[in-house]
Protein backbone atom coordinates (compact mmCIF):
# COMPACT_ATOMS: atom_id res chain seq x y z
CA MET A 1 97.42 159.26 136.12
CA ASP A 2 99.52 158.73 139.21
CA ASN A 3 103.13 157.60 139.29
CA GLN A 4 102.35 153.92 139.96
CA SER A 5 99.96 153.72 137.02
CA LYS A 6 102.60 155.21 134.72
CA LYS A 7 105.19 152.75 136.01
CA LEU A 8 102.75 149.86 135.49
CA ASP A 9 102.02 151.00 131.92
CA THR A 10 105.74 151.28 131.20
CA LEU A 11 106.38 147.77 132.53
CA LYS A 12 103.52 146.33 130.49
CA LYS A 13 104.91 147.93 127.33
CA LYS A 14 108.34 146.43 128.10
CA GLN A 15 106.70 143.06 128.70
CA ASP A 16 104.94 143.26 125.31
CA GLN A 17 108.22 144.19 123.63
CA LEU A 18 110.03 141.30 125.28
CA LYS A 19 107.29 138.87 124.25
CA ALA A 20 107.60 140.07 120.66
CA GLN A 21 111.39 139.64 120.75
CA ILE A 22 111.02 136.13 122.20
CA GLN A 23 108.58 135.18 119.44
CA LEU A 24 110.98 136.44 116.77
CA LEU A 25 113.90 134.52 118.24
CA GLU A 26 111.84 131.33 118.59
CA ALA A 27 110.65 131.60 115.00
CA ALA A 28 114.22 132.11 113.78
CA GLU A 29 115.37 129.06 115.74
CA LYS A 30 112.59 126.91 114.28
CA THR A 31 113.54 128.07 110.79
CA ARG A 32 117.21 127.20 111.40
CA GLU A 33 116.29 123.76 112.69
CA ARG A 34 113.99 123.07 109.72
CA LYS A 35 116.82 124.01 107.37
CA ARG A 36 119.24 121.74 109.23
CA ASP A 37 116.75 118.88 109.13
CA THR A 38 116.21 119.35 105.40
CA ARG A 39 119.96 119.39 104.80
CA ARG A 40 120.38 116.15 106.79
CA LYS A 41 117.67 114.49 104.70
CA ILE A 42 119.33 115.62 101.48
CA LEU A 43 122.70 114.27 102.57
CA ILE A 44 121.26 110.95 103.70
CA GLY A 45 119.38 110.59 100.43
CA ALA A 46 122.49 111.45 98.41
CA TYR A 47 124.49 108.85 100.33
CA TYR A 48 121.98 106.08 99.66
CA LEU A 49 121.59 107.06 96.02
CA ASP A 50 125.36 106.95 95.54
CA LYS A 51 125.56 103.56 97.26
CA ALA A 52 122.71 102.18 95.15
CA MET A 53 124.36 103.40 91.96
CA GLU A 54 127.74 101.94 92.99
CA GLU A 55 126.12 98.59 93.74
CA ASN A 56 123.84 98.76 90.69
CA ARG A 57 120.76 98.57 92.94
CA LEU A 58 118.90 101.73 91.98
CA ASP A 59 115.89 99.64 90.95
CA ASP A 60 115.59 98.39 94.55
CA ILE A 61 115.30 101.96 95.82
CA VAL A 62 112.69 102.80 93.20
CA LYS A 63 110.68 99.71 94.24
CA PHE A 64 110.90 100.76 97.87
CA MET A 65 109.84 104.31 97.02
CA GLU A 66 106.85 102.98 95.09
CA GLY A 67 105.39 101.66 98.32
CA TYR A 68 106.38 104.74 100.30
CA LEU A 69 105.33 107.70 98.17
CA ASN A 70 101.67 108.68 98.17
CA ARG A 71 101.69 112.00 96.33
CA ASP A 72 101.53 111.77 92.56
CA SER A 73 103.95 114.67 92.12
CA ASP A 74 106.54 112.82 94.24
CA ARG A 75 105.93 109.56 92.40
CA ALA A 76 106.51 111.31 89.07
CA LEU A 77 110.08 112.11 90.17
CA PHE A 78 110.78 108.36 90.10
CA ASP A 79 108.75 107.71 86.93
CA LEU A 80 106.19 105.85 89.00
CA PRO A 81 102.52 105.71 87.99
CA PRO A 82 100.01 107.83 89.89
CA LEU A 83 98.16 106.12 92.70
CA ASP A 84 94.62 104.95 92.25
CA LYS A 85 92.51 107.56 94.04
CA LYS A 86 90.56 104.82 95.87
CA SER A 87 93.62 103.28 97.52
CA SER A 88 95.96 105.07 99.86
CA GLY A 89 99.72 104.71 100.07
CA LYS A 90 101.29 102.89 102.99
CA GLY A 91 103.92 105.51 103.55
CA SER A 92 104.17 109.23 103.46
CA SER A 93 106.14 111.67 101.41
CA LYS A 94 106.32 114.23 104.21
CA GLN A 95 109.63 115.86 104.88
């Protein structure tokens, strides 16, 4: 193997290492942002729950959630009945 081939191999290995480092950093950033987004949702939900309890309007939130939630496990958290399997919910319970 001549000198240029060795240099090319070395550069390709460095390139592969840099790509791997970039992927790790991007994955870590996505994880941080997902955690931040989840925390924002929790805080917003806590705020509205507190307001509803202060104003004695918790039933209004439960009624709203009944039309929003489409997973039975999520509906159970609000003591809502499971959805009929033939009909689909209007909203989504994605986070």
